[in-house]
Amino acid sequence: MIKSFLKKQWLTLTGIILGALGGFLYWKFVGCTTGTCPITSSPINSALWGALMGGLLLSAFKVTAKEKE
């Protein structure tokens, strides 16, 4: 059951992982100097935002059963 889920959702999960890593790295190296930025002032917020964007971006490239036909 878990294997089939991972096989179907691997592209989205990869986007989530890469997005979270990218969001964290953005916070680490660019960040927010004043601390008032709602997304980049915290590493958790930045990683969550990156994970959301990465998941959405890569899920757009997922091929459905109808498109395979």
PDB file of N, CA and C in Angstrom:
ATOM      1  N   MET A   1       0.814  -1.191   0.000  1.00  0.00           N
ATOM      2  CA  MET A   1       0.000   0.000   0.000  1.00  0.00           C
ATOM      3  C   MET A   1       0.862   1.262   0.000  1.00  0.00           C
ATOM      4  N   ILE A   2       1.850   1.273   0.852  1.00  0.00           N
ATOM      5  CA  ILE A   2       2.736   2.445   0.898  1.00  0.00           C
ATOM      6  C   ILE A   2       3.584   2.519  -0.371  1.00  0.00           C
ATOM      7  N   LYS A   3       4.020   1.354  -0.854  1.00  0.00           N
ATOM      8  CA  LYS A   3       4.821   1.345  -2.088  1.00  0.00           C
ATOM      9  C   LYS A   3       4.032   1.892  -3.264  1.00  0.00           C
ATOM     10  N   SER A   4       2.753   1.525  -3.355  1.00  0.00           N
ATOM     11  CA  SER A   4       1.944   2.025  -4.472  1.00  0.00           C
ATOM     12  C   SER A   4       1.711   3.529  -4.352  1.00  0.00           C
ATOM     13  N   PHE A   5       1.537   4.018  -3.123  1.00  0.00           N
ATOM     14  CA  PHE A   5       1.382   5.461  -2.919  1.00  0.00           C
ATOM     15  C   PHE A   5       2.647   6.204  -3.328  1.00  0.00           C
ATOM     16  N   LEU A   6       3.796   5.693  -2.877  1.00  0.00           N
ATOM     17  CA  LEU A   6       5.057   6.335  -3.227  1.00  0.00           C
ATOM     18  C   LEU A   6       5.320   6.284  -4.723  1.00  0.00           C
ATOM     19  N   LYS A   7       4.926   5.182  -5.354  1.00  0.00           N
ATOM     20  CA  LYS A   7       5.131   5.056  -6.798  1.00  0.00           C
ATOM     21  C   LYS A   7       4.268   6.047  -7.571  1.00  0.00           C
ATOM     22  N   LYS A   8       3.045   6.281  -7.087  1.00  0.00           N
ATOM     23  CA  LYS A   8       2.144   7.218  -7.759  1.00  0.00           C
ATOM     24  C   LYS A   8       2.517   8.674  -7.488  1.00  0.00           C
ATOM     25  N   GLN A   9       3.005   8.958  -6.301  1.00  0.00           N
ATOM     26  CA  GLN A   9       3.231  10.341  -5.883  1.00  0.00           C
ATOM     27  C   GLN A   9       4.705  10.722  -5.803  1.00  0.00           C
ATOM     28  N   TRP A  10       5.584   9.996  -6.443  1.00  0.00           N
ATOM     29  CA  TRP A  10       7.013  10.254  -6.284  1.00  0.00           C
ATOM     30  C   TRP A  10       7.413  11.637  -6.785  1.00  0.00           C
ATOM     31  N   LEU A  11       6.783  12.099  -7.825  1.00  0.00           N
ATOM     32  CA  LEU A  11       7.149  13.402  -8.375  1.00  0.00           C
ATOM     33  C   LEU A  11       6.749  14.531  -7.419  1.00  0.00           C
ATOM     34  N   THR A  12       5.566  14.443  -6.859  1.00  0.00           N
ATOM     35  CA  THR A  12       5.113  15.451  -5.905  1.00  0.00           C
ATOM     36  C   THR A  12       5.963  15.416  -4.641  1.00  0.00           C
ATOM     37  N   LEU A  13       6.257  14.230  -4.138  1.00  0.00           N
ATOM     38  CA  LEU A  13       7.073  14.110  -2.931  1.00  0.00           C
ATOM     39  C   LEU A  13       8.491  14.634  -3.158  1.00  0.00           C
ATOM     40  N   THR A  14       9.027  14.401  -4.340  1.00  0.00           N
ATOM     41  CA  THR A  14      10.344  14.949  -4.678  1.00  0.00           C
ATOM     42  C   THR A  14      10.297  16.475  -4.682  1.00  0.00           C
ATOM     43  N   GLY A  15       9.226  17.035  -5.231  1.00  0.00           N
ATOM     44  CA  GLY A  15       9.071  18.487  -5.233  1.00  0.00           C
ATOM     45  C   GLY A  15       8.967  19.049  -3.831  1.00  0.00           C
ATOM     46  N   ILE A  16       8.264  18.343  -2.948  1.00  0.00           N
ATOM     47  CA  ILE A  16       8.133  18.797  -1.559  1.00  0.00           C
ATOM     48  C   ILE A  16       9.489  18.799  -0.864  1.00  0.00           C
ATOM     49  N   ILE A  17      10.251  17.734  -1.056  1.00  0.00           N
ATOM     50  CA  ILE A  17      11.557  17.638  -0.411  1.00  0.00           C
ATOM     51  C   ILE A  17      12.515  18.693  -0.956  1.00  0.00           C
ATOM     52  N   LEU A  18      12.580  18.820  -2.270  1.00  0.00           N
ATOM     53  CA  LEU A  18      13.480  19.817  -2.869  1.00  0.00           C
ATOM     54  C   LEU A  18      13.043  21.247  -2.533  1.00  0.00           C
ATOM     55  N   GLY A  19      11.731  21.472  -2.502  1.00  0.00           N
ATOM     56  CA  GLY A  19      11.232  22.796  -2.146  1.00  0.00           C
ATOM     57  C   GLY A  19      11.541  23.166  -0.706  1.00  0.00           C
ATOM     58  N   ALA A  20      11.390  22.205   0.200  1.00  0.00           N
ATOM     59  CA  ALA A  20      11.706  22.469   1.609  1.00  0.00           C
ATOM     60  C   ALA A  20      13.196  22.759   1.776  1.00  0.00           C
ATOM     61  N   LEU A  21      14.020  22.004   1.086  1.00  0.00           N
ATOM     62  CA  LEU A  21      15.465  22.245   1.141  1.00  0.00           C
ATOM     63  C   LEU A  21      15.796  23.615   0.560  1.00  0.00           C
ATOM     64  N   GLY A  22      15.174  23.936  -0.568  1.00  0.00           N
ATOM     65  CA  GLY A  22      15.412  25.245  -1.179  1.00  0.00           C
ATOM     66  C   GLY A  22      14.929  26.389  -0.298  1.00  0.00           C
ATOM     67  N   GLY A  23      13.783  26.215   0.341  1.00  0.00           N
ATOM     68  CA  GLY A  23      13.282  27.246   1.247  1.00  0.00           C
ATOM     69  C   GLY A  23      14.195  27.454   2.435  1.00  0.00           C
ATOM     70  N   PHE A  24      14.696  26.355   2.992  1.00  0.00           N
ATOM     71  CA  PHE A  24      15.628  26.473   4.112  1.00  0.00           C
ATOM     72  C   PHE A  24      16.923  27.156   3.695  1.00  0.00           C
ATOM     73  N   LEU A  25      17.441  26.747   2.533  1.00  0.00           N
ATOM     74  CA  LEU A  25      18.681  27.368   2.057  1.00  0.00           C
ATOM     75  C   LEU A  25      18.479  28.843   1.738  1.00  0.00           C
ATOM     76  N   TYR A  26      17.312  29.203   1.243  1.00  0.00           N
ATOM     77  CA  TYR A  26      17.011  30.613   0.997  1.00  0.00           C
ATOM     78  C   TYR A  26      17.027  31.386   2.310  1.00  0.00           C
ATOM     79  N   TRP A  27      16.418  30.809   3.356  1.00  0.00           N
ATOM     80  CA  TRP A  27      16.423  31.461   4.676  1.00  0.00           C
ATOM     81  C   TRP A  27      17.854  31.591   5.196  1.00  0.00           C
ATOM     82  N   LYS A  28      18.649  30.526   5.007  1.00  0.00           N
ATOM     83  CA  LYS A  28      20.012  30.497   5.541  1.00  0.00           C
ATOM     84  C   LYS A  28      20.915  31.531   4.869  1.00  0.00           C
ATOM     85  N   PHE A  29      20.860  31.641   3.549  1.00  0.00           N
ATOM     86  CA  PHE A  29      21.816  32.474   2.836  1.00  0.00           C
ATOM     87  C   PHE A  29      21.281  33.836   2.426  1.00  0.00           C
ATOM     88  N   VAL A  30      19.973  33.991   2.276  1.00  0.00           N
ATOM     89  CA  VAL A  30      19.401  35.281   1.899  1.00  0.00           C
ATOM     90  C   VAL A  30      18.624  35.845   3.073  1.00  0.00           C
ATOM     91  N   GLY A  31      17.591  35.130   3.468  1.00  0.00           N
ATOM     92  CA  GLY A  31      16.830  35.451   4.673  1.00  0.00           C
ATOM     93  C   GLY A  31      16.248  36.846   4.717  1.00  0.00           C
ATOM     94  N   CYS A  32      16.008  37.285   5.931  1.00  0.00           N
ATOM     95  CA  CYS A  32      15.416  38.593   6.182  1.00  0.00           C
ATOM     96  C   CYS A  32      16.226  39.274   7.275  1.00  0.00           C
ATOM     97  N   THR A  33      16.835  40.377   6.966  1.00  0.00           N
ATOM     98  CA  THR A  33      17.712  41.031   7.934  1.00  0.00           C
ATOM     99  C   THR A  33      16.953  41.743   9.048  1.00  0.00           C
ATOM    100  N   THR A  34      15.728  42.199   8.775  1.00  0.00           N
ATOM    101  CA  THR A  34      14.987  42.937   9.794  1.00  0.00           C
ATOM    102  C   THR A  34      14.147  42.043  10.686  1.00  0.00           C
ATOM    103  N   GLY A  35      13.815  40.840  10.234  1.00  0.00           N
ATOM    104  CA  GLY A  35      12.985  39.933  11.005  1.00  0.00           C
ATOM    105  C   GLY A  35      11.497  40.181  10.848  1.00  0.00           C
ATOM    106  N   THR A  36      11.121  41.092   9.973  1.00  0.00           N
ATOM    107  CA  THR A  36       9.706  41.409   9.797  1.00  0.00           C
ATOM    108  C   THR A  36       9.087  40.734   8.577  1.00  0.00           C
ATOM    109  N   CYS A  37       9.867  40.007   7.818  1.00  0.00           N
ATOM    110  CA  CYS A  37       9.350  39.322   6.639  1.00  0.00           C
ATOM    111  C   CYS A  37       8.563  38.096   7.106  1.00  0.00           C
ATOM    112  N   PRO A  38       7.299  37.964   6.703  1.00  0.00           N
ATOM    113  CA  PRO A  38       6.494  36.863   7.233  1.00  0.00           C
ATOM    114  C   PRO A  38       6.953  35.473   6.795  1.00  0.00           C
ATOM    115  N   ILE A  39       7.559  35.342   5.636  1.00  0.00           N
ATOM    116  CA  ILE A  39       7.951  34.018   5.160  1.00  0.00           C
ATOM    117  C   ILE A  39       9.408  33.724   5.475  1.00  0.00           C
ATOM    118  N   THR A  40      10.293  34.635   5.187  1.00  0.00           N
ATOM    119  CA  THR A  40      11.720  34.346   5.294  1.00  0.00           C
ATOM    120  C   THR A  40      12.334  34.698   6.642  1.00  0.00           C
ATOM    121  N   SER A  41      11.547  35.147   7.611  1.00  0.00           N
ATOM    122  CA  SER A  41      12.124  35.467   8.913  1.00  0.00           C
ATOM    123  C   SER A  41      12.340  34.221   9.761  1.00  0.00           C
ATOM    124  N   SER A  42      11.663  33.122   9.432  1.00  0.00           N
ATOM    125  CA  SER A  42      11.768  31.883  10.198  1.00  0.00           C
ATOM    126  C   SER A  42      12.159  30.742   9.269  1.00  0.00           C
ATOM    127  N   PRO A  43      13.066  29.859   9.701  1.00  0.00           N
ATOM    128  CA  PRO A  43      13.437  28.737   8.840  1.00  0.00           C
ATOM    129  C   PRO A  43      12.271  27.766   8.618  1.00  0.00           C
ATOM    130  N   ILE A  44      11.395  27.639   9.586  1.00  0.00           N
ATOM    131  CA  ILE A  44      10.248  26.739   9.442  1.00  0.00           C
ATOM    132  C   ILE A  44       9.280  27.292   8.403  1.00  0.00           C
ATOM    133  N   ASN A  45       8.952  28.571   8.508  1.00  0.00           N
ATOM    134  CA  ASN A  45       8.049  29.180   7.523  1.00  0.00           C
ATOM    135  C   ASN A  45       8.629  29.117   6.118  1.00  0.00           C
ATOM    136  N   SER A  46       9.900  29.397   6.016  1.00  0.00           N
ATOM    137  CA  SER A  46      10.546  29.394   4.709  1.00  0.00           C
ATOM    138  C   SER A  46      10.568  27.986   4.108  1.00  0.00           C
ATOM    139  N   ALA A  47      10.868  26.977   4.925  1.00  0.00           N
ATOM    140  CA  ALA A  47      10.895  25.598   4.435  1.00  0.00           C
ATOM    141  C   ALA A  47       9.494  25.119   4.075  1.00  0.00           C
ATOM    142  N   LEU A  48       8.483  25.473   4.869  1.00  0.00           N
ATOM    143  CA  LEU A  48       7.114  25.072   4.559  1.00  0.00           C
ATOM    144  C   LEU A  48       6.626  25.722   3.271  1.00  0.00           C
ATOM    145  N   TRP A  49       6.923  26.986   3.094  1.00  0.00           N
ATOM    146  CA  TRP A  49       6.531  27.680   1.875  1.00  0.00           C
ATOM    147  C   TRP A  49       7.232  27.061   0.665  1.00  0.00           C
ATOM    148  N   GLY A  50       8.509  26.767   0.802  1.00  0.00           N
ATOM    149  CA  GLY A  50       9.241  26.121  -0.284  1.00  0.00           C
ATOM    150  C   GLY A  50       8.695  24.742  -0.596  1.00  0.00           C
ATOM    151  N   ALA A  51       8.322  23.983   0.444  1.00  0.00           N
ATOM    152  CA  ALA A  51       7.750  22.646   0.233  1.00  0.00           C
ATOM    153  C   ALA A  51       6.424  22.738  -0.504  1.00  0.00           C
ATOM    154  N   LEU A  52       5.609  23.695  -0.135  1.00  0.00           N
ATOM    155  CA  LEU A  52       4.324  23.877  -0.805  1.00  0.00           C
ATOM    156  C   LEU A  52       4.524  24.228  -2.278  1.00  0.00           C
ATOM    157  N   MET A  53       5.394  25.171  -2.542  1.00  0.00           N
ATOM    158  CA  MET A  53       5.641  25.594  -3.917  1.00  0.00           C
ATOM    159  C   MET A  53       6.291  24.479  -4.740  1.00  0.00           C
ATOM    160  N   GLY A  54       7.237  23.758  -4.155  1.00  0.00           N
ATOM    161  CA  GLY A  54       7.887  22.657  -4.865  1.00  0.00           C
ATOM    162  C   GLY A  54       6.915  21.528  -5.182  1.00  0.00           C
ATOM    163  N   GLY A  55       6.057  21.199  -4.222  1.00  0.00           N
ATOM    164  CA  GLY A  55       5.062  20.163  -4.451  1.00  0.00           C
ATOM    165  C   GLY A  55       4.068  20.548  -5.532  1.00  0.00           C
ATOM    166  N   LEU A  56       3.625  21.790  -5.492  1.00  0.00           N
ATOM    167  CA  LEU A  56       2.692  22.251  -6.511  1.00  0.00           C
ATOM    168  C   LEU A  56       3.333  22.296  -7.894  1.00  0.00           C
ATOM    169  N   LEU A  57       4.568  22.738  -7.940  1.00  0.00           N
ATOM    170  CA  LEU A  57       5.252  22.856  -9.225  1.00  0.00           C
ATOM    171  C   LEU A  57       5.456  21.491  -9.872  1.00  0.00           C
ATOM    172  N   LEU A  58       6.006  20.547  -9.134  1.00  0.00           N
ATOM    173  CA  LEU A  58       6.294  19.249  -9.737  1.00  0.00           C
ATOM    174  C   LEU A  58       5.048  18.399  -9.924  1.00  0.00           C
ATOM    175  N   SER A  59       4.008  18.633  -9.146  1.00  0.00           N
ATOM    176  CA  SER A  59       2.769  17.870  -9.360  1.00  0.00           C
ATOM    177  C   SER A  59       2.087  18.281 -10.666  1.00  0.00           C
ATOM    178  N   ALA A  60       2.422  19.441 -11.176  1.00  0.00           N
ATOM    179  CA  ALA A  60       1.849  19.883 -12.444  1.00  0.00           C
ATOM    180  C   ALA A  60       2.372  19.048 -13.617  1.00  0.00           C
ATOM    181  N   PHE A  61       3.490  18.359 -13.436  1.00  0.00           N
ATOM    182  CA  PHE A  61       4.075  17.552 -14.498  1.00  0.00           C
ATOM    183  C   PHE A  61       3.658  16.093 -14.424  1.00  0.00           C
ATOM    184  N   LYS A  62       2.783  15.751 -13.493  1.00  0.00           N
ATOM    185  CA  LYS A  62       2.343  14.376 -13.323  1.00  0.00           C
ATOM    186  C   LYS A  62       1.420  13.986 -14.479  1.00  0.00           C
ATOM    187  N   VAL A  63       1.635  12.811 -15.036  1.00  0.00           N
ATOM    188  CA  VAL A  63       0.839  12.307 -16.150  1.00  0.00           C
ATOM    189  C   VAL A  63      -0.305  11.471 -15.596  1.00  0.00           C
ATOM    190  N   THR A  64      -1.522  11.783 -16.004  1.00  0.00           N
ATOM    191  CA  THR A  64      -2.680  11.029 -15.548  1.00  0.00           C
ATOM    192  C   THR A  64      -2.962   9.862 -16.487  1.00  0.00           C
ATOM    193  N   ALA A  65      -3.896   8.994 -16.081  1.00  0.00           N
ATOM    194  CA  ALA A  65      -4.236   7.814 -16.893  1.00  0.00           C
ATOM    195  C   ALA A  65      -4.854   8.231 -18.228  1.00  0.00           C
ATOM    196  N   LYS A  66      -5.652   9.297 -18.236  1.00  0.00           N
ATOM    197  CA  LYS A  66      -6.276   9.769 -19.465  1.00  0.00           C
ATOM    198  C   LYS A  66      -5.237  10.292 -20.461  1.00  0.00           C
ATOM    199  N   GLU A  67      -4.181  10.939 -19.929  1.00  0.00           N
ATOM    200  CA  GLU A  67      -3.149  11.486 -20.805  1.00  0.00           C
ATOM    201  C   GLU A  67      -2.275  10.398 -21.399  1.00  0.00           C
ATOM    202  N   LYS A  68      -2.198   9.242 -20.740  1.00  0.00           N
ATOM    203  CA  LYS A  68      -1.380   8.145 -21.255  1.00  0.00           C
ATOM    204  C   LYS A  68      -1.988   7.499 -22.481  1.00  0.00           C
ATOM    205  N   GLU A  69      -3.312   7.560 -22.600  1.00  0.00           N
ATOM    206  CA  GLU A  69      -4.008   6.905 -23.709  1.00  0.00           C
ATOM    207  C   GLU A  69      -3.810   7.598 -25.017  1.00  0.00           C
TER     208      GLU A  69
END
